[in-house]
Amino acid sequence: MHSFGASATYGLVQAGVTVDSKLENTFPIEKDANESIRSTELSSDSPSFALQASQSSLSSFHSQESSSVSNTNGHAMSSIMSSATLTVIVSQGRGLVSLDRNIFGKMKPAEPLVELYLGGKACGKTGPARRSSNPVWKESAIVCEIGGDMAKELVNRSEKLELRLFDRQIKKETFMGAILFSLPKEEASCWYTVAARSEQATEFYCARASGSIEVQVQMNAKFYPVLMPDHVFILRQHSKIALDLSWRSGPYLETSFVATDLGSGLILWDESVYFANRTNPNRSIVFPERLELPGQPTIDTVVVDLENVPLNVGTLCLVMTARNNSFSDIESLEIRCKDAITGQGVGRFVPRLSASDTCVVLLQMSRTKNRKAWDLEVMAAGYQRFRDFGSMQPEIQMIAQGSATRISRRAERTALMRSGDCIRVQDYAAPLPENLSIGLYWKVANGENVLPLVLLMDKDTHLLDVIHRQNPRSEDRSVAYAEDRFQVALPKAVADVHYICFALGPYLGEQADHILSAAFNMLNADDGKELVRSTFPDFDTFPTRTLTLGCLFRSCDNWDFTLLGLSSCDITIDDCTRTLQNYMIEKPLGHPSSLMTES
């Protein structure tokens, strides 16, 4: 029947907005030892925040870890450190320990080299100096690129630099001592005494360590701007972009990267990356695993390979939703945009969220008019009514219409549901549709057949009827199986029918197969509009033989729908029914409208 890969396939909405002033992400800004940042104007009416600043003076660098630049209207715009180039020059040493003896039994000078460590990790080393107790290094410079966070820790002196000395040997380098020091405030050379033990790796110890070495430290910092709503610039210099989102506490948040069609502005579901789909088919848009550590900010990242995004994608919207509660308890939300290849910062954005909002479009990336580059626009457009991006398709299409070429039809709302969500059907199709079309999709481990079926139950969960391929129509003629879909005529359901449940399973004596993943969608059969869709993640923790996906149930004079995702090892209809009955007794269905609140 239906088979799908990583996700089910259908179609839907998009995002983009017209903005007159744009900035190319070039690097015209430099910061010298005694100069303030100077800006090269990139357009006559736009602030320049395509910013890369270098800073060669450690004395001025220590005075600030962020900077500011004036736009063409005279308003100051702040920037923050993105990364830094750290150069450590080891010039000479004196009185260094001799550890080896020559063939005559006399101590011979070492052939020393120096390794740099930051946070306990090796960052580079010098070449070996000629044998001497007072060596002079020819290959004296250690150069490494460090991130903005590490650079700030060095500036704040919460992190130190460690140099470890080794005597180069044929078989194994011998430890000669170490020095640990804070980032100096001046670039002048300083002499440091060699200690016997490494403070970052205590297993390195030399009882006879002696002498000192002369060291000079240089740091060139790169800054990127703090972005504000309505800032737009062209990502021409970057082929691969990473967006890092971080926040503390608050409700559980979902981040989604929503792709929209270049022509219609409708959502391209297969190209969108969200909770169940962590990558699009060609992996040009990828959500790596979310990083959640106790006591640390939650970090979610999306990586976009701009050169390989499918040509039919016109806009990409970064959407954040609160599935429960609102944004009122969120702390320290920020977005950092960087080049995913070089790590170079592009911009930092701290959204101001309304405490009552439940959904926000944080930014959008859209193709330029010549289709050869991408714009990035900061937005922070908040909404109080929605808890999933499917429910706000018309709003996303309005954002996308700035880049769409031909919007032929108005987008409709679709409930993008997860297990446990419950909606009023009429919220997505008013008035309540008389006829619904239900599609079940799945992927199995061994290619064995799976049977889609519908269970009709009364209000006490007693089984009334079962509909499947061999019994394609219910006795009351309210449910029919035709053309690989279930057609549901709600007005025909007899009064005793309270629950209409949709399931997958090998119920007719067929060999049980392991269901790997599944999907569900519900259409208004009268006009073809999609009302509900869901993609279930892989069922890889234990064998899943049956899966009850969702259930329509009566609510006064209307019908509600809940997504269940109830998996089990049942292999008969009776077993499936009992599992569902027990579940509904423990967790009565109800409490709809979890995805879209009253307007």
Protein backbone atom coordinates (compact mmCIF):
# COMPACT_ATOMS: atom_id res chain seq x y z
CA MET A 1 0.00 0.00 0.00
CA HIS A 2 1.59 3.27 1.08
CA SER A 3 5.31 3.26 1.63
CA PHE A 4 7.46 6.25 2.46
CA GLY A 5 11.04 7.04 3.34
CA ALA A 6 11.95 9.43 6.11
CA SER A 7 8.60 11.14 5.97
CA ALA A 8 5.25 11.02 4.30
CA THR A 9 4.80 13.13 1.18
CA TYR A 10 2.09 15.69 0.53
CA GLY A 11 2.36 19.53 0.00
CA LEU A 12 1.62 23.04 1.71
CA VAL A 13 2.97 26.85 2.81
CA GLN A 14 5.98 29.36 2.75
CA ALA A 15 7.60 32.65 3.99
CA GLY A 16 9.28 35.93 2.80
CA VAL A 17 8.85 39.70 3.00
CA THR A 18 9.94 42.64 0.85
CA VAL A 19 12.61 44.87 2.34
CA ASP A 20 14.11 47.70 0.37
CA SER A 21 17.44 48.14 2.13
CA LYS A 22 19.88 45.25 1.97
CA LEU A 23 23.50 44.76 2.98
CA GLU A 24 26.07 42.52 1.41
CA ASN A 25 27.92 40.42 3.91
CA THR A 26 31.41 41.66 2.99
CA PHE A 27 34.19 42.62 5.38
CA PRO A 28 35.04 46.32 4.99
CA ILE A 29 35.44 47.08 8.69
CA GLU A 30 38.68 46.88 10.62
CA LYS A 31 39.69 47.87 14.10
CA ASP A 32 43.31 48.84 14.66
CA ALA A 33 45.27 49.41 17.85
CA ASN A 34 44.08 52.93 18.53
CA GLU A 35 41.23 53.31 16.11
CA SER A 36 37.50 52.95 16.54
CA ILE A 37 35.64 50.77 14.11
CA ARG A 38 35.19 52.55 10.82
CA SER A 39 32.41 51.53 8.46
CA THR A 40 32.37 51.44 4.69
CA GLU A 41 28.87 52.32 3.55
CA LEU A 42 27.27 49.52 1.57
CA SER A 43 24.05 51.31 0.73
CA SER A 44 22.84 54.86 1.03
CA ASP A 45 20.14 54.19 3.58
CA SER A 46 21.10 50.99 5.39
CA PRO A 47 23.16 50.39 8.52
CA SER A 48 26.24 48.29 7.87
CA PHE A 49 26.46 45.20 9.97
CA ALA A 50 28.36 42.93 7.61
CA LEU A 51 31.19 43.23 10.04
CA GLN A 52 34.59 41.72 10.62
CA ALA A 53 36.83 43.65 13.01
CA SER A 54 40.43 42.92 13.91
CA GLN A 55 42.04 44.26 17.05
CA SER A 56 45.79 44.13 17.48
CA SER A 57 46.13 45.93 20.80
CA LEU A 58 45.55 43.74 23.84
CA SER A 59 45.27 46.82 26.04
CA SER A 60 42.27 48.16 24.09
CA PHE A 61 40.97 44.61 23.60
CA HIS A 62 40.77 44.09 27.39
CA SER A 63 38.73 47.25 27.75
CA GLN A 64 35.78 45.79 25.84
CA GLU A 65 34.59 42.49 24.50
CA SER A 66 31.90 44.11 22.36
CA SER A 67 31.95 47.19 20.17
CA SER A 68 29.67 49.54 18.31
CA VAL A 69 29.46 51.12 14.90
CA SER A 70 27.37 54.01 13.65
CA ASN A 71 25.08 53.50 10.72
CA THR A 72 24.60 56.10 8.04
CA ASN A 73 21.87 57.76 10.09
CA GLY A 74 24.22 58.23 13.02
CA HIS A 75 22.68 55.57 15.28
CA ALA A 76 25.06 53.28 17.13
CA MET A 77 24.80 49.59 16.41
CA SER A 78 26.55 47.14 18.71
CA SER A 79 28.69 44.17 17.75
CA ILE A 80 29.99 41.18 19.66
CA MET A 81 33.06 39.01 19.39
CA SER A 82 32.71 36.16 16.94
CA SER A 83 36.14 34.54 17.03
CA ALA A 84 39.78 35.43 17.42
CA THR A 85 43.18 34.51 16.04
CA LEU A 86 45.57 33.79 18.89
CA THR A 87 49.31 33.96 18.18
CA VAL A 88 51.80 32.84 20.82
CA ILE A 89 55.47 33.57 19.99
CA VAL A 90 58.07 31.67 22.01
CA SER A 91 61.33 33.54 21.40
CA GLN A 92 64.00 32.11 23.67
CA GLY A 93 64.68 30.30 26.92
CA ARG A 94 67.35 30.36 29.58
CA GLY A 95 68.52 27.89 32.15
CA LEU A 96 66.32 25.04 30.92
CA VAL A 97 66.85 21.62 32.45
CA SER A 98 69.07 19.01 30.82
CA LEU A 99 67.65 15.50 31.14
CA ASP A 100 69.84 13.24 28.99
CA ARG A 101 73.48 12.21 29.07
CA ASN A 102 75.80 11.78 26.13
CA ILE A 103 77.93 8.70 25.49
CA PHE A 104 80.53 10.05 27.90
CA GLY A 105 78.03 10.30 30.74
CA LYS A 106 77.81 14.07 30.72
CA MET A 107 74.50 15.92 30.74
CA LYS A 108 73.59 17.21 27.30
CA PRO A 109 71.25 20.13 26.59
CA ALA A 110 67.70 19.43 25.49
CA GLU A 111 66.29 19.95 22.01
CA PRO A 112 63.18 21.76 23.31
CA LEU A 113 59.84 22.41 21.69
CA VAL A 114 56.76 24.09 23.19
CA GLU A 115 53.08 23.06 22.91
CA LEU A 116 50.11 25.39 23.57
CA TYR A 117 47.05 24.13 25.46
CA LEU A 118 43.68 25.84 25.97
CA GLY A 119 41.05 24.20 28.14
CA GLY A 120 43.26 21.12 28.29
CA LYS A 121 43.29 20.73 24.49
CA ALA A 122 46.38 21.01 22.29
CA CYS A 123 46.26 24.02 19.95
CA GLY A 124 49.64 23.82 18.22
CA LYS A 125 53.36 23.76 18.89
CA THR A 126 56.66 25.35 17.91
CA GLY A 127 59.37 23.62 15.99
CA PRO A 128 62.30 22.24 18.02
CA ALA A 129 65.12 24.62 18.90
CA ARG A 130 68.78 23.63 18.57
CA ARG A 131 70.23 21.87 21.58
CA SER A 132 70.96 24.45 24.26
CA SER A 133 70.14 25.31 27.84
CA ASN A 134 69.46 28.80 26.50
CA PRO A 135 67.64 27.99 23.25
CA VAL A 136 66.42 30.37 20.56
CA TRP A 137 63.47 29.21 18.49
CA LYS A 138 63.40 29.81 14.74
CA GLU A 139 59.95 28.23 14.30
CA SER A 140 58.61 30.23 17.21
CA ALA A 141 54.98 31.11 16.40
CA ILE A 142 51.95 29.05 17.44
CA VAL A 143 48.81 30.28 15.64
CA CYS A 144 45.30 29.00 16.37
CA GLU A 145 41.72 30.09 15.75
CA ILE A 146 39.49 30.19 18.82
CA GLY A 147 35.77 30.80 19.22
CA GLY A 148 34.24 33.93 20.69
CA ASP A 149 33.35 32.20 23.96
CA MET A 150 36.91 31.01 24.55
CA ALA A 151 38.26 34.44 23.60
CA LYS A 152 35.97 36.09 26.15
CA GLU A 153 37.07 33.60 28.81
CA LEU A 154 40.69 34.53 28.12
CA VAL A 155 39.87 38.22 28.32
CA ASN A 156 37.94 37.72 31.57
CA ARG A 157 40.83 35.60 32.88
CA SER A 158 38.53 32.71 33.69
CA GLU A 159 40.62 30.64 31.25
CA LYS A 160 44.41 30.56 31.09
CA LEU A 161 47.02 29.59 28.53
CA GLU A 162 49.39 26.73 29.28
CA LEU A 163 52.69 26.06 27.53
CA ARG A 164 54.29 22.65 27.99
CA LEU A 165 57.98 22.11 27.24
CA PHE A 166 59.24 18.84 25.81
CA ASP A 167 62.67 17.52 24.89
CA ARG A 168 62.40 16.03 21.43
CA GLN A 169 63.57 12.42 21.52
CA ILE A 170 63.80 9.74 18.87
CA LYS A 171 61.30 7.46 20.62
CA LYS A 172 59.31 9.74 22.90
CA GLU A 173 59.24 13.39 23.86
CA THR A 174 60.24 14.01 27.47
CA PHE A 175 58.34 16.52 29.60
CA MET A 176 60.54 19.42 30.84
CA GLY A 177 58.00 21.57 32.70
CA ALA A 178 55.13 23.97 32.02
CA ILE A 179 54.01 27.54 32.47
CA LEU A 180 50.43 28.69 33.12
CA PHE A 181 49.53 32.34 32.64
CA SER A 182 46.61 34.67 31.98
CA LEU A 183 46.22 36.63 28.78
CA PRO A 184 48.54 39.65 29.21
CA LYS A 185 47.17 43.16 28.88
CA GLU A 186 50.02 44.25 26.63
CA GLU A 187 51.68 42.63 23.63
CA ALA A 188 55.18 43.10 25.01
CA SER A 189 57.28 39.99 25.56
CA CYS A 190 57.31 38.59 29.08
CA TRP A 191 59.50 36.03 30.85
CA TYR A 192 57.74 33.16 32.63
CA THR A 193 59.26 30.70 35.10
CA VAL A 194 58.99 27.02 34.19
CA ALA A 195 57.04 24.99 36.79
CA ALA A 196 57.60 21.31 37.52
CA ARG A 197 54.00 20.17 36.99
CA SER A 198 51.26 20.95 34.49
CA GLU A 199 48.23 22.40 36.29
CA GLN A 200 45.83 21.19 33.58
CA ALA A 201 47.27 17.65 33.32
CA THR A 202 48.94 16.67 36.59
CA GLU A 203 50.40 13.47 35.14
CA PHE A 204 52.98 15.68 33.42
CA TYR A 205 55.70 16.22 36.03
CA CYS A 206 59.42 16.99 35.89
CA ALA A 207 61.10 17.16 39.32
CA ARG A 208 64.18 18.95 37.94
CA ALA A 209 62.32 21.56 35.87
CA SER A 210 64.17 24.89 35.78
CA GLY A 211 64.64 28.10 33.86
CA SER A 212 62.27 30.46 32.08
CA ILE A 213 61.08 31.27 28.58
CA GLU A 214 60.22 34.53 26.80
CA VAL A 215 56.70 34.65 25.38
CA GLN A 216 54.70 37.22 23.44
CA VAL A 217 50.93 36.89 22.91
CA GLN A 218 48.89 38.55 20.16
CA MET A 219 45.15 38.31 19.61
CA ASN A 220 43.19 39.57 16.62
CA ALA A 221 39.48 39.53 17.38
CA LYS A 222 36.67 39.33 14.85
CA PHE A 223 33.37 40.95 15.71
CA TYR A 224 29.92 40.45 14.30
CA PRO A 225 26.88 42.67 14.75
CA VAL A 226 23.96 42.41 17.11
CA LEU A 227 21.06 42.15 14.66
CA MET A 228 17.71 43.82 15.10
CA PRO A 229 14.29 43.24 13.48
CA ASP A 230 14.11 44.39 9.83
CA HIS A 231 17.87 44.02 9.32
CA VAL A 232 18.49 42.38 5.94
CA PHE A 233 21.71 41.40 4.24
CA ILE A 234 22.90 39.15 1.44
CA LEU A 235 24.69 35.91 2.32
CA ARG A 236 26.78 36.01 -0.84
CA GLN A 237 30.08 35.17 0.88
CA HIS A 238 28.74 32.11 2.68
CA SER A 239 27.84 28.79 1.06
CA LYS A 240 26.88 27.05 4.30
CA ILE A 241 25.19 28.74 7.27
CA ALA A 242 24.63 27.49 10.82
CA LEU A 243 21.99 29.02 13.09
CA ASP A 244 22.60 28.29 16.77
CA LEU A 245 19.63 28.85 19.11
CA SER A 246 20.14 28.77 22.86
CA TRP A 247 17.81 29.40 25.80
CA ARG A 248 17.33 28.58 29.46
CA SER A 249 14.37 27.09 31.34
CA GLY A 250 10.82 27.94 30.32
CA PRO A 251 8.33 25.62 28.56
CA TYR A 252 9.37 22.94 26.11
CA LEU A 253 10.15 24.69 22.82
CA GLU A 254 10.16 23.33 19.29
CA THR A 255 12.26 24.86 16.57
CA SER A 256 11.38 24.32 12.91
CA PHE A 257 12.89 25.47 9.63
CA VAL A 258 9.97 25.84 7.24
CA ALA A 259 10.58 25.71 3.49
CA THR A 260 8.14 27.35 1.08
CA ASP A 261 7.59 27.04 -2.63
CA LEU A 262 9.23 29.64 -4.84
CA GLY A 263 6.13 29.94 -6.98
CA SER A 264 3.12 29.63 -4.69
CA GLY A 265 4.42 30.45 -1.25
CA LEU A 266 2.95 27.18 0.07
CA ILE A 267 4.83 25.06 2.60
CA LEU A 268 7.03 22.33 1.13
CA TRP A 269 6.62 19.70 3.81
CA ASP A 270 9.36 17.35 2.64
CA GLU A 271 11.88 20.20 2.49
CA SER A 272 10.88 21.52 5.93
CA VAL A 273 12.86 20.38 8.96
CA TYR A 274 10.99 19.98 12.24
CA PHE A 275 10.40 17.65 15.20
CA ALA A 276 9.83 14.45 13.24
CA ASN A 277 11.93 15.27 10.17
CA ARG A 278 15.48 16.27 11.16
CA THR A 279 16.69 16.62 7.57
CA ASN A 280 15.29 17.21 4.09
CA PRO A 281 15.85 14.56 1.37
CA ASN A 282 19.14 15.90 -0.04
CA ARG A 283 20.44 16.93 3.42
CA SER A 284 20.88 20.57 2.44
CA ILE A 285 18.88 21.47 5.58
CA VAL A 286 19.77 19.55 8.74
CA PHE A 287 18.85 19.78 12.42
CA PRO A 288 21.56 17.91 14.37
CA GLU A 289 20.58 16.43 17.71
CA ARG A 290 19.51 19.00 20.30
CA LEU A 291 22.02 19.52 23.14
CA GLU A 292 20.38 19.46 26.57
CA LEU A 293 22.66 19.23 29.63
CA PRO A 294 21.63 19.74 33.28
CA GLY A 295 22.20 23.32 34.37
CA GLN A 296 23.24 24.40 30.87
CA PRO A 297 21.34 26.33 28.18
CA THR A 298 19.47 24.22 25.64
CA ILE A 299 21.16 24.47 22.24
CA ASP A 300 19.43 23.71 18.95
CA THR A 301 21.18 24.16 15.61
CA VAL A 302 20.08 24.16 11.99
CA VAL A 303 22.69 23.92 9.23
CA VAL A 304 21.80 25.12 5.72
CA ASP A 305 23.87 24.29 2.64
CA LEU A 306 22.70 27.27 0.57
CA GLU A 307 24.22 26.08 -2.70
CA ASN A 308 22.31 22.79 -2.58
CA VAL A 309 18.88 23.88 -1.35
CA PRO A 310 16.43 22.62 -4.02
CA LEU A 311 15.65 25.25 -6.63
CA ASN A 312 11.91 25.16 -5.95
CA VAL A 313 12.51 26.42 -2.39
CA GLY A 314 12.02 30.18 -2.28
CA THR A 315 12.07 30.95 1.43
CA LEU A 316 13.16 29.33 4.69
CA CYS A 317 11.56 30.50 7.95
CA LEU A 318 12.94 29.77 11.41
CA VAL A 319 9.88 29.19 13.61
CA MET A 320 9.77 28.56 17.36
CA THR A 321 6.65 27.30 19.14
CA ALA A 322 5.74 26.57 22.76
CA ARG A 323 3.67 23.37 22.80
CA ASN A 324 2.53 24.10 26.36
CA ASN A 325 2.11 27.39 28.17
CA SER A 326 3.71 30.44 26.47
CA PHE A 327 7.05 32.23 26.16
CA SER A 328 6.64 33.88 29.57
CA ASP A 329 9.26 31.73 31.32
CA ILE A 330 11.94 31.72 28.61
CA GLU A 331 15.32 33.09 29.67
CA SER A 332 18.32 34.15 27.61
CA LEU A 333 17.02 33.26 24.15
CA GLU A 334 19.52 34.18 21.46
CA ILE A 335 20.39 33.21 17.90
CA ARG A 336 23.88 33.22 16.48
CA CYS A 337 24.40 32.98 12.74
CA LYS A 338 27.79 31.80 11.55
CA ASP A 339 29.55 30.34 8.55
CA ALA A 340 29.26 26.58 9.06
CA ILE A 341 32.57 25.93 7.28
CA THR A 342 34.89 28.56 8.79
CA GLY A 343 33.00 29.24 12.03
CA GLN A 344 33.11 32.97 11.26
CA GLY A 345 30.25 34.87 12.88
CA VAL A 346 27.68 36.59 10.69
CA GLY A 347 25.34 38.03 13.30
CA ARG A 348 23.80 37.66 16.75
CA PHE A 349 20.13 38.23 17.50
CA VAL A 350 18.40 38.43 20.90
CA PRO A 351 14.63 38.35 20.20
CA ARG A 352 12.26 40.26 22.41
CA LEU A 353 9.34 37.90 22.90
CA SER A 354 5.96 38.82 24.26
CA ALA A 355 5.17 36.79 27.39
CA SER A 356 1.76 35.88 25.96
CA ASP A 357 3.06 34.65 22.58
CA THR A 358 3.06 30.94 21.81
CA CYS A 359 4.66 31.05 18.35
CA VAL A 360 7.23 33.31 16.67
CA VAL A 361 8.83 33.58 13.23
CA LEU A 362 12.37 34.53 14.22
CA LEU A 363 13.95 35.10 10.82
CA GLN A 364 13.67 34.20 7.18
CA MET A 365 16.12 33.39 4.42
CA SER A 366 14.89 34.03 0.90
CA ARG A 367 16.41 33.87 -2.55
CA THR A 368 17.47 37.16 -4.11
CA LYS A 369 15.77 38.28 -7.29
CA ASN A 370 18.56 36.91 -9.48
CA ARG A 371 18.33 33.56 -7.59
CA LYS A 372 22.12 33.53 -7.14
CA ALA A 373 22.27 34.39 -3.44
CA TRP A 374 20.17 34.44 -0.28
CA ASP A 375 18.89 37.28 1.89
CA LEU A 376 18.70 36.89 5.65
CA GLU A 377 16.08 39.03 7.40
CA VAL A 378 15.57 39.25 11.16
CA MET A 379 11.87 39.32 12.04
CA ALA A 380 10.70 38.19 15.52
CA ALA A 381 7.02 38.21 14.46
CA GLY A 382 5.08 36.74 17.39
CA TYR A 383 1.62 35.16 17.53
CA GLN A 384 -0.61 34.30 20.48
CA ARG A 385 -2.92 31.77 18.82
CA PHE A 386 -0.76 28.97 17.41
CA ARG A 387 1.36 26.14 18.79
CA ASP A 388 2.56 24.60 15.52
CA PHE A 389 3.62 26.13 12.20
CA GLY A 390 1.03 24.12 10.25
CA SER A 391 -1.77 26.01 12.00
CA MET A 392 -0.29 29.33 10.87
CA GLN A 393 0.12 28.54 7.18
CA PRO A 394 -1.73 31.65 5.95
CA GLU A 395 0.55 33.85 8.07
CA ILE A 396 3.66 32.10 6.74
CA GLN A 397 2.39 32.46 3.17
CA MET A 398 1.93 36.20 3.76
CA ILE A 399 5.57 36.39 4.85
CA ALA A 400 6.64 34.35 1.82
CA GLN A 401 4.75 36.32 -0.79
CA GLY A 402 7.59 38.83 -1.04
CA SER A 403 9.67 36.21 -2.84
CA ALA A 404 6.94 34.00 -4.34
CA THR A 405 6.29 34.51 -8.04
CA ARG A 406 2.67 33.42 -8.43
CA ILE A 407 0.42 32.79 -5.45
CA SER A 408 -2.49 30.98 -7.07
CA ARG A 409 -4.40 29.95 -3.96
CA ARG A 410 -4.76 30.92 -0.36
CA ALA A 411 -3.09 28.64 2.16
CA GLU A 412 -5.27 26.82 4.67
CA ARG A 413 -4.48 25.81 8.22
CA THR A 414 -3.24 22.28 8.87
CA ALA A 415 -2.80 20.84 12.35
CA LEU A 416 0.77 19.52 12.54
CA MET A 417 0.19 17.08 15.38
CA ARG A 418 2.25 15.05 17.83
CA SER A 419 1.13 12.16 20.00
CA GLY A 420 -1.24 13.44 22.67
CA ASP A 421 -2.39 16.53 20.74
CA CYS A 422 -6.14 17.05 20.42
CA ILE A 423 -8.04 19.47 18.17
CA ARG A 424 -11.57 20.50 17.25
CA VAL A 425 -11.98 19.53 13.60
CA GLN A 426 -14.13 22.59 12.93
CA ASP A 427 -11.20 24.85 13.94
CA TYR A 428 -9.52 23.76 10.72
CA ALA A 429 -12.61 23.47 8.51
CA ALA A 430 -15.64 25.55 9.42
CA PRO A 431 -18.38 24.48 9.22
CA LEU A 432 -17.61 20.90 10.24
CA PRO A 433 -17.04 18.85 7.04
CA GLU A 434 -19.51 16.09 6.33
CA ASN A 435 -16.94 13.91 4.59
CA LEU A 436 -13.34 13.21 5.59
CA SER A 437 -10.61 11.28 3.78
CA ILE A 438 -8.00 9.54 5.93
CA GLY A 439 -4.59 8.33 4.72
CA LEU A 440 -2.30 5.97 6.65
CA TYR A 441 1.35 5.61 5.63
CA TRP A 442 4.08 3.30 6.92
CA LYS A 443 7.44 1.68 6.46
CA VAL A 444 8.21 -1.87 7.66
CA ALA A 445 11.41 -3.78 8.29
CA ASN A 446 10.96 -6.80 6.01
CA GLY A 447 8.38 -5.75 3.45
CA GLU A 448 5.59 -7.86 4.91
CA ASN A 449 2.05 -6.63 4.36
CA VAL A 450 0.42 -4.34 6.94
CA LEU A 451 -3.33 -4.01 7.32
CA PRO A 452 -4.87 -0.54 7.81
CA LEU A 453 -8.16 -0.70 9.68
CA VAL A 454 -10.80 1.36 11.47
CA LEU A 455 -12.37 0.41 14.81
CA LEU A 456 -15.84 1.78 15.60
CA MET A 457 -16.58 1.88 19.34
CA ASP A 458 -19.40 3.13 21.54
CA LYS A 459 -18.98 5.60 24.40
CA ASP A 460 -18.04 2.72 26.74
CA THR A 461 -15.36 1.60 24.24
CA HIS A 462 -17.25 -1.57 23.26
CA LEU A 463 -16.28 -2.65 19.75
CA LEU A 464 -19.12 -2.13 17.22
CA ASP A 465 -17.49 -2.70 13.84
CA VAL A 466 -14.14 -3.18 12.09
CA ILE A 467 -13.39 -1.90 8.57
CA HIS A 468 -10.43 -3.05 6.44
CA ARG A 469 -9.66 -4.43 2.96
CA GLN A 470 -11.68 -7.63 3.47
CA ASN A 471 -14.57 -5.76 5.12
CA PRO A 472 -14.46 -2.44 3.25
CA ARG A 473 -17.69 -0.82 4.54
CA SER A 474 -19.23 -0.36 7.99
CA GLU A 475 -22.78 -1.54 8.67
CA ASP A 476 -24.01 2.05 9.06
CA ARG A 477 -22.13 2.98 5.82
CA SER A 478 -20.32 5.82 7.61
CA VAL A 479 -16.83 4.41 6.92
CA ALA A 480 -15.58 2.91 3.65
CA TYR A 481 -12.18 1.69 2.51
CA ALA A 482 -11.48 2.68 -1.10
CA GLU A 483 -8.40 3.50 -3.17
CA ASP A 484 -6.00 3.05 -0.26
CA ARG A 485 -7.83 5.57 1.93
CA PHE A 486 -10.66 5.54 4.45
CA GLN A 487 -13.66 7.72 3.57
CA VAL A 488 -15.62 8.86 6.64
CA ALA A 489 -19.15 10.31 6.31
CA LEU A 490 -19.74 11.82 9.75
CA PRO A 491 -23.54 12.42 9.37
CA LYS A 492 -24.04 8.70 8.60
CA ALA A 493 -22.44 7.50 11.83
CA VAL A 494 -25.17 6.01 14.01
CA ALA A 495 -25.72 7.51 17.44
CA ASP A 496 -24.01 4.58 19.15
CA VAL A 497 -20.71 5.28 17.38
CA HIS A 498 -18.68 7.49 19.68
CA TYR A 499 -15.11 6.66 18.61
CA ILE A 500 -13.67 6.14 15.11
CA CYS A 501 -10.10 4.85 15.58
CA PHE A 502 -7.45 4.35 12.88
CA ALA A 503 -4.78 1.65 13.23
CA LEU A 504 -2.14 -0.45 11.45
CA GLY A 505 -1.42 -4.11 12.11
CA PRO A 506 -1.12 -7.69 10.73
CA TYR A 507 -4.57 -8.80 11.81
CA LEU A 508 -5.57 -11.44 9.24
CA GLY A 509 -3.15 -14.26 9.93
CA GLU A 510 -0.31 -12.54 8.08
CA GLN A 511 3.26 -12.72 9.35
CA ALA A 512 3.90 -9.95 11.85
CA ASP A 513 6.42 -7.36 10.66
CA HIS A 514 8.13 -4.58 12.57
CA ILE A 515 6.65 -1.14 11.78
CA LEU A 516 9.62 1.23 11.50
CA SER A 517 7.80 4.53 11.02
CA ALA A 518 4.38 5.84 10.09
CA ALA A 519 2.43 8.91 9.07
CA PHE A 520 -1.18 10.11 9.01
CA ASN A 521 -3.16 12.75 7.22
CA MET A 522 -6.79 13.88 7.14
CA LEU A 523 -8.42 15.75 4.26
CA ASN A 524 -11.72 17.52 3.84
CA ALA A 525 -13.07 15.16 1.18
CA ASP A 526 -15.34 17.84 -0.26
CA ASP A 527 -12.57 20.27 -1.26
CA GLY A 528 -9.32 18.30 -0.79
CA LYS A 529 -7.90 20.63 1.87
CA GLU A 530 -5.56 18.99 4.36
CA LEU A 531 -6.74 19.35 7.95
CA VAL A 532 -4.31 17.14 9.90
CA ARG A 533 -0.89 15.64 9.28
CA SER A 534 1.64 13.87 11.43
CA THR A 535 4.85 11.93 10.95
CA PHE A 536 5.79 9.47 13.66
CA PRO A 537 9.49 9.01 14.47
CA ASP A 538 11.18 5.66 14.14
CA PHE A 539 9.92 2.89 16.41
CA ASP A 540 13.34 1.40 17.04
CA THR A 541 13.30 0.81 20.81
CA PHE A 542 11.18 -2.35 20.64
CA PRO A 543 9.30 -4.30 17.94
CA THR A 544 6.07 -2.52 16.96
CA ARG A 545 3.53 -4.89 15.41
CA THR A 546 0.45 -2.68 15.74
CA LEU A 547 0.01 1.06 15.86
CA THR A 548 -3.16 3.00 16.69
CA LEU A 549 -2.49 6.36 15.08
CA GLY A 550 -5.50 8.50 16.02
CA CYS A 551 -9.15 8.72 16.88
CA LEU A 552 -12.15 10.84 15.91
CA PHE A 553 -14.61 11.15 18.80
CA ARG A 554 -17.88 12.92 19.49
CA SER A 555 -17.86 16.13 21.51
CA CYS A 556 -21.41 17.42 22.00
CA ASP A 557 -22.68 18.06 18.47
CA ASN A 558 -19.20 18.17 16.92
CA TRP A 559 -16.26 15.86 16.32
CA ASP A 560 -12.78 16.21 17.78
CA PHE A 561 -9.60 14.39 16.81
CA THR A 562 -6.70 13.21 18.96
CA LEU A 563 -3.41 11.76 17.78
CA LEU A 564 -2.51 8.67 19.81
CA GLY A 565 0.61 7.00 18.42
CA LEU A 566 -0.19 3.97 20.58
CA SER A 567 2.26 1.19 19.66
CA SER A 568 2.21 -2.43 20.84
CA CYS A 569 3.10 -6.00 19.93
CA ASP A 570 -0.54 -7.04 19.42
CA ILE A 571 -1.19 -9.30 16.44
CA THR A 572 -5.00 -9.68 16.55
CA ILE A 573 -7.93 -7.29 16.40
CA ASP A 574 -9.08 -8.39 19.86
CA ASP A 575 -5.65 -7.67 21.36
CA CYS A 576 -5.52 -4.29 19.64
CA THR A 577 -8.99 -3.43 20.92
CA ARG A 578 -8.11 -4.35 24.51
CA THR A 579 -4.92 -2.28 24.40
CA LEU A 580 -6.88 0.71 23.11
CA GLN A 581 -9.68 0.24 25.66
CA ASN A 582 -7.21 0.12 28.55
CA TYR A 583 -5.48 3.24 27.27
CA MET A 584 -8.75 5.19 26.95
CA ILE A 585 -9.82 4.17 30.46
CA GLU A 586 -6.52 5.42 31.89
CA LYS A 587 -6.39 8.55 29.72
CA PRO A 588 -9.87 9.67 28.64
CA LEU A 589 -9.85 11.52 25.34
CA GLY A 590 -10.68 15.20 25.40
CA HIS A 591 -9.30 18.66 26.15
CA PRO A 592 -9.08 19.76 22.50
CA SER A 593 -7.64 22.98 21.09
CA SER A 594 -4.09 22.37 22.27
CA LEU A 595 -2.64 23.60 18.97
CA MET A 596 -4.80 26.63 18.23
CA THR A 597 -6.31 28.79 20.95
CA GLU A 598 -9.41 30.92 20.71
CA SER A 599 -8.85 34.10 18.71
